[in-house]
Structures are given as C-alpha cells and as structure tokens.
Amino acid sequence: MKISKTPSAPCWADLSTPDTDAARLFYQGLLGWRSEVVSDPQSQAYGLFRSGDELVAGIGPTRSPKEPSAWLPYYQSAGVDAVIARVKGNGGTVVTGPETIAEDGVFAVCQDPSGAAFGLWQPITNTGFGVVNAPGSFCWFELLTRDPDGSKDFYQSVLGWGAKRHPYGGGGTYTEWSVDTEPFGGMLDTASGSFPEGLPAHWMVYVAVEDTDATAARCKELGGQTLVHPTTIEPGRFAVLADPQGASFAVITYTPR
C-alpha cells in the first residue's frame, strides 16, 4: 500500500475496546507501539499509538460493555457530507457523525449494506497515518463479506475505488481494491471456502511485521489468540490474531521483491 493521503484511500485505523489499559500493554508488547492519551476533553479518553515517532493508530473505549472490541479503518474524504449522502443512497447506514474533532478533522462511522463498519475522515490539520508499510504500521485493508458483488458496487459508487478480481484458492476469486490504480486492500467472499458459517461482514486490518511466526508466538504469550496460524501466500507470510479483548487483526511479513 503506497497511498494514505489521497481521497478515498485508507488514512487511519483505531481500536475500540472495553479495557484500554490492557490493550495498550498488549500492543506495546506485541508491536512495540508506545501510547499517549489525547489531552483534549472532547477526545473522551481517546489515545494514540506511535511506532517510533510516527502516528500509526488510535484507541478508545467501546460505547457500552456489550459492544465487541474491534479495529475500524478510516477512509479519507474531501467532503464527509457528500460521501454520507452516497452511503445512504446506496443502501448503507450512518452509525455516528458527522462530528468535528477540534481542529483535527471531521469523522463519521458508517456501515455498508452487508453490515461491515468503516470510518470516514475529512482532515483539517490531522491527515492520519504518519507511516505505512514499514514494520509496525498498517499495510493492507481487507473486506470479508458474503456479498462481494453488492459490496463491489457499493464501494465503487461511494468511494470510487477500482476493483480487480484475481483467481483465489480452489476456484474462488479475490478482489483487489485500488485508488488511482494503486492497490491498498482486498475483498474475500466468506460464503465460500473454510470461513465459519455466520461470520459477520467486517474489515480486517493488516500490520506489517518483521517475523510473522515470532509475532504469533508473542501474541499467545501476551494473552492473545491465533485465529489463522502463520501461512505462506504469494505476498508473504501472514497470520490472523486476536488481542485479549477479542479484536482481530492480521500481521504479514512481505516477501522481498
């Protein structure tokens, strides 16, 4: 993923969790991130993660104890209101917002017609990620859904993404998302293959790491789980993990090219 400052491209990700203190310790131990709490009262205990000196993610409390812990990707917008109108016009819903955060920007959280949540961010002074693709930062964003055709139409209409399909697995297809011809993510059809029955549609965030196997082992030591064990695929070696509060995310070590 080479883009993060372009309209419609991924620009941020944050974690909603019922235990922010425990989550901070987990990601510090797993990925080497350091955390800080935003001092603005409007932030409602929102925090930031850095890899080195660069911003990589946010963290905040879930709205209720029953809300599941989850990672949420955000896509940049030059005008959130216009994108929200397209979300509604194409069968999606608005969960939160639009809301202005100090002088940082304007955000909203939406759901596509299959139920997958995603965020929108209209930057004012805060453009989001300080680094992408490097170890310890986000590098790929993947939609898992039982309705790939409907999702393709939705995101192309709402965010203008390119969508290129490739053969995948035993007769399946993998859709590659792009902005201005630059790939940044993909889409998997969870109605086929080995996915659990009833798996909700959701976005999976990928973090680049230097050693997927070592990261998966460290995840277990820190109280997390391995949902998909380290596996070699064409781009490299990946695994799907979950933190102790249940938020799933993927890690990948890219094969040098």
C-alpha atoms as a PDB file:
ATOM      1  CA  MET A   1       0.000   0.000   0.000  1.00  0.00           C
ATOM      2  CA  LYS A   2       1.680   3.184  -1.208  1.00  0.00           C
ATOM      3  CA  ILE A   3      -1.100   5.670  -0.503  1.00  0.00           C
ATOM      4  CA  SER A   4      -2.653   7.139   2.626  1.00  0.00           C
ATOM      5  CA  LYS A   5      -3.019  10.866   1.916  1.00  0.00           C
ATOM      6  CA  THR A   6      -5.316  10.579  -1.111  1.00  0.00           C
ATOM      7  CA  PRO A   7      -9.116  10.992  -1.041  1.00  0.00           C
ATOM      8  CA  SER A   8     -10.830   7.579  -0.675  1.00  0.00           C
ATOM      9  CA  ALA A   9      -7.587   5.904   0.464  1.00  0.00           C
ATOM     10  CA  PRO A  10      -7.118   4.398   3.947  1.00  0.00           C
ATOM     11  CA  CYS A  11      -5.838   7.132   6.248  1.00  0.00           C
ATOM     12  CA  TRP A  12      -6.370   5.849   9.805  1.00  0.00           C
ATOM     13  CA  ALA A  13      -7.382   2.905  11.980  1.00  0.00           C
ATOM     14  CA  ASP A  14      -8.483   2.798  15.570  1.00  0.00           C
ATOM     15  CA  LEU A  15      -9.334   0.220  18.184  1.00  0.00           C
ATOM     16  CA  SER A  16     -12.495   0.262  20.293  1.00  0.00           C
ATOM     17  CA  THR A  17     -12.030  -1.847  23.394  1.00  0.00           C
ATOM     18  CA  PRO A  18     -13.637  -2.259  26.838  1.00  0.00           C
ATOM     19  CA  ASP A  19     -10.198  -2.246  28.505  1.00  0.00           C
ATOM     20  CA  THR A  20      -7.956   0.422  27.024  1.00  0.00           C
ATOM     21  CA  ASP A  21      -5.222  -0.024  29.638  1.00  0.00           C
ATOM     22  CA  ALA A  22      -4.867  -3.756  28.936  1.00  0.00           C
ATOM     23  CA  ALA A  23      -4.997  -3.172  25.182  1.00  0.00           C
ATOM     24  CA  ARG A  24      -2.241  -0.560  25.363  1.00  0.00           C
ATOM     25  CA  LEU A  25       0.009  -3.003  27.192  1.00  0.00           C
ATOM     26  CA  PHE A  26      -0.759  -5.771  24.695  1.00  0.00           C
ATOM     27  CA  TYR A  27       0.096  -3.764  21.582  1.00  0.00           C
ATOM     28  CA  GLN A  28       3.138  -2.249  23.235  1.00  0.00           C
ATOM     29  CA  GLY A  29       4.394  -5.748  23.978  1.00  0.00           C
ATOM     30  CA  LEU A  30       3.451  -7.200  20.601  1.00  0.00           C
ATOM     31  CA  LEU A  31       4.300  -4.452  18.110  1.00  0.00           C
ATOM     32  CA  GLY A  32       6.500  -2.111  20.100  1.00  0.00           C
ATOM     33  CA  TRP A  33       3.967   0.690  19.898  1.00  0.00           C
ATOM     34  CA  ARG A  34       4.005   3.398  22.534  1.00  0.00           C
ATOM     35  CA  SER A  35       0.787   5.047  23.609  1.00  0.00           C
ATOM     36  CA  GLU A  36      -0.295   8.506  24.654  1.00  0.00           C
ATOM     37  CA  VAL A  37      -3.615   9.955  25.776  1.00  0.00           C
ATOM     38  CA  VAL A  38      -5.105  12.907  23.904  1.00  0.00           C
ATOM     39  CA  SER A  39      -5.422  15.846  26.303  1.00  0.00           C
ATOM     40  CA  ASP A  40      -8.425  17.476  24.564  1.00  0.00           C
ATOM     41  CA  PRO A  41     -11.571  16.980  26.744  1.00  0.00           C
ATOM     42  CA  GLN A  42     -13.584  16.311  23.572  1.00  0.00           C
ATOM     43  CA  SER A  43     -11.479  13.202  22.946  1.00  0.00           C
ATOM     44  CA  GLN A  44     -13.370  11.129  25.581  1.00  0.00           C
ATOM     45  CA  ALA A  45     -10.270   9.172  26.692  1.00  0.00           C
ATOM     46  CA  TYR A  46      -9.120   8.661  23.096  1.00  0.00           C
ATOM     47  CA  GLY A  47      -5.479   7.675  22.811  1.00  0.00           C
ATOM     48  CA  LEU A  48      -2.844   7.359  20.125  1.00  0.00           C
ATOM     49  CA  PHE A  49      -0.298   4.714  19.223  1.00  0.00           C
ATOM     50  CA  ARG A  50       3.082   5.555  17.731  1.00  0.00           C
ATOM     51  CA  SER A  51       5.668   3.379  16.057  1.00  0.00           C
ATOM     52  CA  GLY A  52       8.856   5.231  16.814  1.00  0.00           C
ATOM     53  CA  ASP A  53       7.824   8.861  16.475  1.00  0.00           C
ATOM     54  CA  GLU A  54       5.153   8.277  13.828  1.00  0.00           C
ATOM     55  CA  LEU A  55       1.412   8.011  14.434  1.00  0.00           C
ATOM     56  CA  VAL A  56       0.034   4.607  13.451  1.00  0.00           C
ATOM     57  CA  ALA A  57      -3.343   4.141  15.183  1.00  0.00           C
ATOM     58  CA  GLY A  58      -5.875   5.307  17.730  1.00  0.00           C
ATOM     59  CA  ILE A  59      -7.538   3.639  20.702  1.00  0.00           C
ATOM     60  CA  GLY A  60     -10.684   4.417  22.655  1.00  0.00           C
ATOM     61  CA  PRO A  61     -13.293   2.798  24.901  1.00  0.00           C
ATOM     62  CA  THR A  62     -16.289   0.963  23.487  1.00  0.00           C
ATOM     63  CA  ARG A  63     -19.592   2.819  23.816  1.00  0.00           C
ATOM     64  CA  SER A  64     -21.058   0.064  26.023  1.00  0.00           C
ATOM     65  CA  PRO A  65     -19.714  -3.015  27.851  1.00  0.00           C
ATOM     66  CA  LYS A  66     -21.606  -5.270  25.417  1.00  0.00           C
ATOM     67  CA  GLU A  67     -20.058  -3.728  22.304  1.00  0.00           C
ATOM     68  CA  PRO A  68     -17.366  -6.056  20.899  1.00  0.00           C
ATOM     69  CA  SER A  69     -13.773  -4.935  20.700  1.00  0.00           C
ATOM     70  CA  ALA A  70     -12.818  -4.214  17.081  1.00  0.00           C
ATOM     71  CA  TRP A  71     -10.461  -2.414  14.737  1.00  0.00           C
ATOM     72  CA  LEU A  72     -12.017   0.173  12.412  1.00  0.00           C
ATOM     73  CA  PRO A  73     -10.413   1.524   9.210  1.00  0.00           C
ATOM     74  CA  TYR A  74     -11.000   5.103   8.078  1.00  0.00           C
ATOM     75  CA  TYR A  75     -11.002   6.358   4.501  1.00  0.00           C
ATOM     76  CA  GLN A  76     -10.083   9.921   3.638  1.00  0.00           C
ATOM     77  CA  SER A  77     -12.717  12.251   2.259  1.00  0.00           C
ATOM     78  CA  ALA A  78     -12.587  15.756   0.835  1.00  0.00           C
ATOM     79  CA  GLY A  79     -16.199  16.182   1.984  1.00  0.00           C
ATOM     80  CA  VAL A  80     -17.758  13.819   4.519  1.00  0.00           C
ATOM     81  CA  ASP A  81     -21.291  15.111   3.974  1.00  0.00           C
ATOM     82  CA  ALA A  82     -21.206  14.239   0.275  1.00  0.00           C
ATOM     83  CA  VAL A  83     -19.861  10.747   0.984  1.00  0.00           C
ATOM     84  CA  ILE A  84     -22.536  10.169   3.639  1.00  0.00           C
ATOM     85  CA  ALA A  85     -25.189  11.064   1.079  1.00  0.00           C
ATOM     86  CA  ARG A  86     -23.757   8.408  -1.256  1.00  0.00           C
ATOM     87  CA  VAL A  87     -23.618   5.879   1.598  1.00  0.00           C
ATOM     88  CA  LYS A  88     -27.330   6.377   2.267  1.00  0.00           C
ATOM     89  CA  GLY A  89     -28.178   6.442  -1.424  1.00  0.00           C
ATOM     90  CA  ASN A  90     -26.500   3.078  -1.979  1.00  0.00           C
ATOM     91  CA  GLY A  91     -28.071   1.146   0.891  1.00  0.00           C
ATOM     92  CA  GLY A  92     -25.581   1.861   3.671  1.00  0.00           C
ATOM     93  CA  THR A  93     -26.229   3.440   7.060  1.00  0.00           C
ATOM     94  CA  VAL A  94     -24.590   6.086   9.222  1.00  0.00           C
ATOM     95  CA  VAL A  95     -23.744   4.904  12.750  1.00  0.00           C
ATOM     96  CA  THR A  96     -22.067   8.036  14.134  1.00  0.00           C
ATOM     97  CA  GLY A  97     -21.457  11.574  12.939  1.00  0.00           C
ATOM     98  CA  PRO A  98     -20.520  13.589  11.113  1.00  0.00           C
ATOM     99  CA  GLU A  99     -18.681  15.217  14.010  1.00  0.00           C
ATOM    100  CA  THR A 100     -15.858  17.741  14.062  1.00  0.00           C
ATOM    101  CA  ILE A 101     -12.926  16.910  16.352  1.00  0.00           C
ATOM    102  CA  ALA A 102     -11.278  20.179  17.460  1.00  0.00           C
ATOM    103  CA  GLU A 103      -9.122  21.404  14.563  1.00  0.00           C
ATOM    104  CA  ASP A 104      -8.128  17.871  13.551  1.00  0.00           C
ATOM    105  CA  GLY A 105     -10.903  16.948  11.146  1.00  0.00           C
ATOM    106  CA  VAL A 106     -14.428  15.648  10.652  1.00  0.00           C
ATOM    107  CA  PHE A 107     -15.323  11.989  11.099  1.00  0.00           C
ATOM    108  CA  ALA A 108     -18.248   9.648  10.623  1.00  0.00           C
ATOM    109  CA  VAL A 109     -18.740   5.909  11.072  1.00  0.00           C
ATOM    110  CA  CYS A 110     -20.863   4.040   8.537  1.00  0.00           C
ATOM    111  CA  GLN A 111     -21.933   0.510   7.654  1.00  0.00           C
ATOM    112  CA  ASP A 112     -22.118  -0.930   4.176  1.00  0.00           C
ATOM    113  CA  PRO A 113     -25.251  -2.905   3.172  1.00  0.00           C
ATOM    114  CA  SER A 114     -23.706  -6.173   4.402  1.00  0.00           C
ATOM    115  CA  GLY A 115     -23.046  -4.696   7.854  1.00  0.00           C
ATOM    116  CA  ALA A 116     -19.290  -4.043   7.698  1.00  0.00           C
ATOM    117  CA  ALA A 117     -18.357  -0.875   9.591  1.00  0.00           C
ATOM    118  CA  PHE A 118     -15.894   1.685   8.270  1.00  0.00           C
ATOM    119  CA  GLY A 119     -14.944   5.259   9.078  1.00  0.00           C
ATOM    120  CA  LEU A 120     -14.669   8.440   7.048  1.00  0.00           C
ATOM    121  CA  TRP A 121     -12.159  11.176   7.831  1.00  0.00           C
ATOM    122  CA  GLN A 122     -12.076  14.683   6.380  1.00  0.00           C
ATOM    123  CA  PRO A 123      -8.741  16.143   7.501  1.00  0.00           C
ATOM    124  CA  ILE A 124      -8.307  19.714   8.661  1.00  0.00           C
ATOM    125  CA  THR A 125      -4.878  19.593  10.319  1.00  0.00           C
ATOM    126  CA  ASN A 126      -4.585  15.846  11.010  1.00  0.00           C
ATOM    127  CA  THR A 127      -4.012  13.767   7.873  1.00  0.00           C
ATOM    128  CA  GLY A 128      -3.835  10.432   9.711  1.00  0.00           C
ATOM    129  CA  PHE A 129      -1.105   7.831   9.383  1.00  0.00           C
ATOM    130  CA  GLY A 130       2.441   9.062   9.855  1.00  0.00           C
ATOM    131  CA  VAL A 131       3.836   5.905   8.294  1.00  0.00           C
ATOM    132  CA  VAL A 132       2.514   2.914   6.345  1.00  0.00           C
ATOM    133  CA  ASN A 133       4.041  -0.344   5.070  1.00  0.00           C
ATOM    134  CA  ALA A 134       7.015  -0.285   7.444  1.00  0.00           C
ATOM    135  CA  PRO A 135       7.199  -2.930  10.193  1.00  0.00           C
ATOM    136  CA  GLY A 136       4.853  -1.896  12.990  1.00  0.00           C
ATOM    137  CA  SER A 137       2.497   0.050  10.715  1.00  0.00           C
ATOM    138  CA  PHE A 138      -0.613  -0.728   8.685  1.00  0.00           C
ATOM    139  CA  CYS A 139      -0.166  -2.018   5.169  1.00  0.00           C
ATOM    140  CA  TRP A 140      -3.405  -3.595   3.860  1.00  0.00           C
ATOM    141  CA  PHE A 141      -7.179  -3.430   4.437  1.00  0.00           C
ATOM    142  CA  GLU A 142      -9.410  -6.383   3.592  1.00  0.00           C
ATOM    143  CA  LEU A 143     -13.192  -6.709   3.494  1.00  0.00           C
ATOM    144  CA  LEU A 144     -14.703 -10.076   4.397  1.00  0.00           C
ATOM    145  CA  THR A 145     -18.288 -10.383   3.182  1.00  0.00           C
ATOM    146  CA  ARG A 146     -20.843 -12.871   1.888  1.00  0.00           C
ATOM    147  CA  ASP A 147     -21.911 -10.382  -0.785  1.00  0.00           C
ATOM    148  CA  PRO A 148     -18.833  -9.460  -2.829  1.00  0.00           C
ATOM    149  CA  ASP A 149     -20.850  -8.325  -5.844  1.00  0.00           C
ATOM    150  CA  GLY A 150     -23.023  -5.968  -3.814  1.00  0.00           C
ATOM    151  CA  SER A 151     -20.013  -4.721  -1.848  1.00  0.00           C
ATOM    152  CA  LYS A 152     -18.075  -4.049  -5.037  1.00  0.00           C
ATOM    153  CA  ASP A 153     -20.920  -1.914  -6.380  1.00  0.00           C
ATOM    154  CA  PHE A 154     -21.324  -0.101  -3.048  1.00  0.00           C
ATOM    155  CA  TYR A 155     -17.701   0.942  -2.559  1.00  0.00           C
ATOM    156  CA  GLN A 156     -17.209   1.852  -6.198  1.00  0.00           C
ATOM    157  CA  SER A 157     -20.277   4.108  -6.022  1.00  0.00           C
ATOM    158  CA  VAL A 158     -19.474   5.609  -2.615  1.00  0.00           C
ATOM    159  CA  LEU A 159     -15.678   5.952  -2.703  1.00  0.00           C
ATOM    160  CA  GLY A 160     -14.827   5.461  -6.367  1.00  0.00           C
ATOM    161  CA  TRP A 161     -12.483   2.538  -5.799  1.00  0.00           C
ATOM    162  CA  GLY A 162     -11.079   0.407  -8.550  1.00  0.00           C
ATOM    163  CA  ALA A 163     -11.828  -3.315  -8.196  1.00  0.00           C
ATOM    164  CA  LYS A 164      -9.812  -6.017  -9.952  1.00  0.00           C
ATOM    165  CA  ARG A 165     -10.630  -9.687  -9.480  1.00  0.00           C
ATOM    166  CA  HIS A 166      -7.995 -12.427  -9.346  1.00  0.00           C
ATOM    167  CA  PRO A 167      -8.297 -16.231  -9.095  1.00  0.00           C
ATOM    168  CA  TYR A 168      -8.018 -17.338  -5.482  1.00  0.00           C
ATOM    169  CA  GLY A 169      -7.859 -20.738  -3.777  1.00  0.00           C
ATOM    170  CA  GLY A 170      -9.970 -23.578  -5.116  1.00  0.00           C
ATOM    171  CA  GLY A 171     -11.917 -21.764  -7.790  1.00  0.00           C
ATOM    172  CA  GLY A 172     -12.666 -18.630  -5.788  1.00  0.00           C
ATOM    173  CA  THR A 173     -11.794 -15.020  -6.520  1.00  0.00           C
ATOM    174  CA  TYR A 174     -10.005 -12.261  -4.634  1.00  0.00           C
ATOM    175  CA  THR A 175     -10.918  -8.651  -5.356  1.00  0.00           C
ATOM    176  CA  GLU A 176      -8.127  -6.084  -5.132  1.00  0.00           C
ATOM    177  CA  TRP A 177      -9.164  -2.539  -4.198  1.00  0.00           C
ATOM    178  CA  SER A 178      -7.293   0.464  -5.579  1.00  0.00           C
ATOM    179  CA  VAL A 179      -7.328   4.266  -5.634  1.00  0.00           C
ATOM    180  CA  ASP A 180      -5.782   5.941  -8.692  1.00  0.00           C
ATOM    181  CA  THR A 181      -4.590   2.448  -9.778  1.00  0.00           C
ATOM    182  CA  GLU A 182      -2.631   1.976  -6.507  1.00  0.00           C
ATOM    183  CA  PRO A 183      -3.738  -1.170  -4.607  1.00  0.00           C
ATOM    184  CA  PHE A 184      -4.418  -0.748  -0.897  1.00  0.00           C
ATOM    185  CA  GLY A 185      -6.641  -3.673   0.068  1.00  0.00           C
ATOM    186  CA  GLY A 186      -8.836  -6.535  -0.986  1.00  0.00           C
ATOM    187  CA  MET A 187     -12.079  -8.433  -0.530  1.00  0.00           C
ATOM    188  CA  LEU A 188     -12.823 -12.076   0.237  1.00  0.00           C
ATOM    189  CA  ASP A 189     -16.089 -13.945  -0.283  1.00  0.00           C
ATOM    190  CA  THR A 190     -16.859 -15.608   3.063  1.00  0.00           C
ATOM    191  CA  ALA A 191     -19.745 -17.611   1.585  1.00  0.00           C
ATOM    192  CA  SER A 192     -17.176 -19.962   0.072  1.00  0.00           C
ATOM    193  CA  GLY A 193     -14.097 -21.704   1.393  1.00  0.00           C
ATOM    194  CA  SER A 194     -13.352 -22.506   5.017  1.00  0.00           C
ATOM    195  CA  PHE A 195     -14.907 -19.467   6.693  1.00  0.00           C
ATOM    196  CA  PRO A 196     -17.184 -20.111   9.697  1.00  0.00           C
ATOM    197  CA  GLU A 197     -20.903 -20.114   8.981  1.00  0.00           C
ATOM    198  CA  GLY A 198     -22.466 -16.836  10.027  1.00  0.00           C
ATOM    199  CA  LEU A 199     -19.203 -14.867  10.129  1.00  0.00           C
ATOM    200  CA  PRO A 200     -20.304 -11.194  10.159  1.00  0.00           C
ATOM    201  CA  ALA A 201     -19.083  -8.915   7.397  1.00  0.00           C
ATOM    202  CA  HIS A 202     -16.126  -6.877   8.633  1.00  0.00           C
ATOM    203  CA  TRP A 203     -12.928  -5.105   7.670  1.00  0.00           C
ATOM    204  CA  MET A 204      -9.633  -6.777   8.582  1.00  0.00           C
ATOM    205  CA  VAL A 205      -6.620  -4.524   9.150  1.00  0.00           C
ATOM    206  CA  TYR A 206      -3.103  -5.781   8.381  1.00  0.00           C
ATOM    207  CA  VAL A 207       0.066  -4.718  10.190  1.00  0.00           C
ATOM    208  CA  ALA A 208       3.478  -5.285   8.614  1.00  0.00           C
ATOM    209  CA  VAL A 209       5.898  -7.166  10.888  1.00  0.00           C
ATOM    210  CA  GLU A 210       9.442  -8.450  10.534  1.00  0.00           C
ATOM    211  CA  ASP A 211       8.620 -12.037  11.583  1.00  0.00           C
ATOM    212  CA  THR A 212       5.044 -13.345  11.439  1.00  0.00           C
ATOM    213  CA  ASP A 213       5.815 -16.577  13.295  1.00  0.00           C
ATOM    214  CA  ALA A 214       7.554 -14.789  16.153  1.00  0.00           C
ATOM    215  CA  THR A 215       4.718 -12.245  16.355  1.00  0.00           C
ATOM    216  CA  ALA A 216       2.106 -15.013  16.565  1.00  0.00           C
ATOM    217  CA  ALA A 217       4.077 -16.728  19.330  1.00  0.00           C
ATOM    218  CA  ARG A 218       4.426 -13.454  21.213  1.00  0.00           C
ATOM    219  CA  CYS A 219       0.672 -12.827  20.851  1.00  0.00           C
ATOM    220  CA  LYS A 220      -0.029 -16.051  22.735  1.00  0.00           C
ATOM    221  CA  GLU A 221       2.456 -15.121  25.470  1.00  0.00           C
ATOM    222  CA  LEU A 222       0.636 -11.814  25.941  1.00  0.00           C
ATOM    223  CA  GLY A 223      -2.775 -13.474  26.303  1.00  0.00           C
ATOM    224  CA  GLY A 224      -3.994 -13.154  22.725  1.00  0.00           C
ATOM    225  CA  GLN A 225      -5.063 -15.854  20.275  1.00  0.00           C
ATOM    226  CA  THR A 226      -4.057 -17.081  16.848  1.00  0.00           C
ATOM    227  CA  LEU A 227      -7.158 -17.368  14.650  1.00  0.00           C
ATOM    228  CA  VAL A 228      -5.303 -18.281  11.456  1.00  0.00           C
ATOM    229  CA  HIS A 229      -1.884 -19.798  12.007  1.00  0.00           C
ATOM    230  CA  PRO A 230       1.117 -18.442  10.094  1.00  0.00           C
ATOM    231  CA  THR A 231       0.595 -19.265   6.423  1.00  0.00           C
ATOM    232  CA  THR A 232       2.634 -18.513   3.334  1.00  0.00           C
ATOM    233  CA  ILE A 233       0.789 -16.774   0.497  1.00  0.00           C
ATOM    234  CA  GLU A 234       2.054 -15.019  -2.629  1.00  0.00           C
ATOM    235  CA  PRO A 235       2.818 -11.636  -0.977  1.00  0.00           C
ATOM    236  CA  GLY A 236       4.491 -13.184   2.074  1.00  0.00           C
ATOM    237  CA  ARG A 237       3.693 -14.932   5.347  1.00  0.00           C
ATOM    238  CA  PHE A 238       0.620 -13.868   7.315  1.00  0.00           C
ATOM    239  CA  ALA A 239      -1.434 -14.785  10.370  1.00  0.00           C
ATOM    240  CA  VAL A 240      -4.721 -13.595  11.852  1.00  0.00           C
ATOM    241  CA  LEU A 241      -4.538 -12.814  15.553  1.00  0.00           C
ATOM    242  CA  ALA A 242      -6.858 -11.543  18.282  1.00  0.00           C
ATOM    243  CA  ASP A 243      -5.958  -9.416  21.271  1.00  0.00           C
ATOM    244  CA  PRO A 244      -7.077 -10.469  24.788  1.00  0.00           C
ATOM    245  CA  GLN A 245     -10.285  -8.421  24.415  1.00  0.00           C
ATOM    246  CA  GLY A 246     -11.171 -10.209  21.157  1.00  0.00           C
ATOM    247  CA  ALA A 247     -10.316  -7.638  18.462  1.00  0.00           C
ATOM    248  CA  SER A 248      -8.991  -9.443  15.392  1.00  0.00           C
ATOM    249  CA  PHE A 249      -6.248  -8.174  13.107  1.00  0.00           C
ATOM    250  CA  ALA A 250      -3.738  -9.653  10.696  1.00  0.00           C
ATOM    251  CA  VAL A 251       0.037  -9.444  10.535  1.00  0.00           C
ATOM    252  CA  ILE A 252       2.172 -10.058   7.476  1.00  0.00           C
ATOM    253  CA  THR A 253       5.849 -10.323   6.628  1.00  0.00           C
ATOM    254  CA  TYR A 254       6.215  -9.426   2.985  1.00  0.00           C
ATOM    255  CA  THR A 255       8.450 -11.472   0.723  1.00  0.00           C
ATOM    256  CA  PRO A 256      11.228  -9.203  -0.606  1.00  0.00           C
ATOM    257  CA  ARG A 257      10.888  -8.419  -4.308  1.00  0.00           C
END
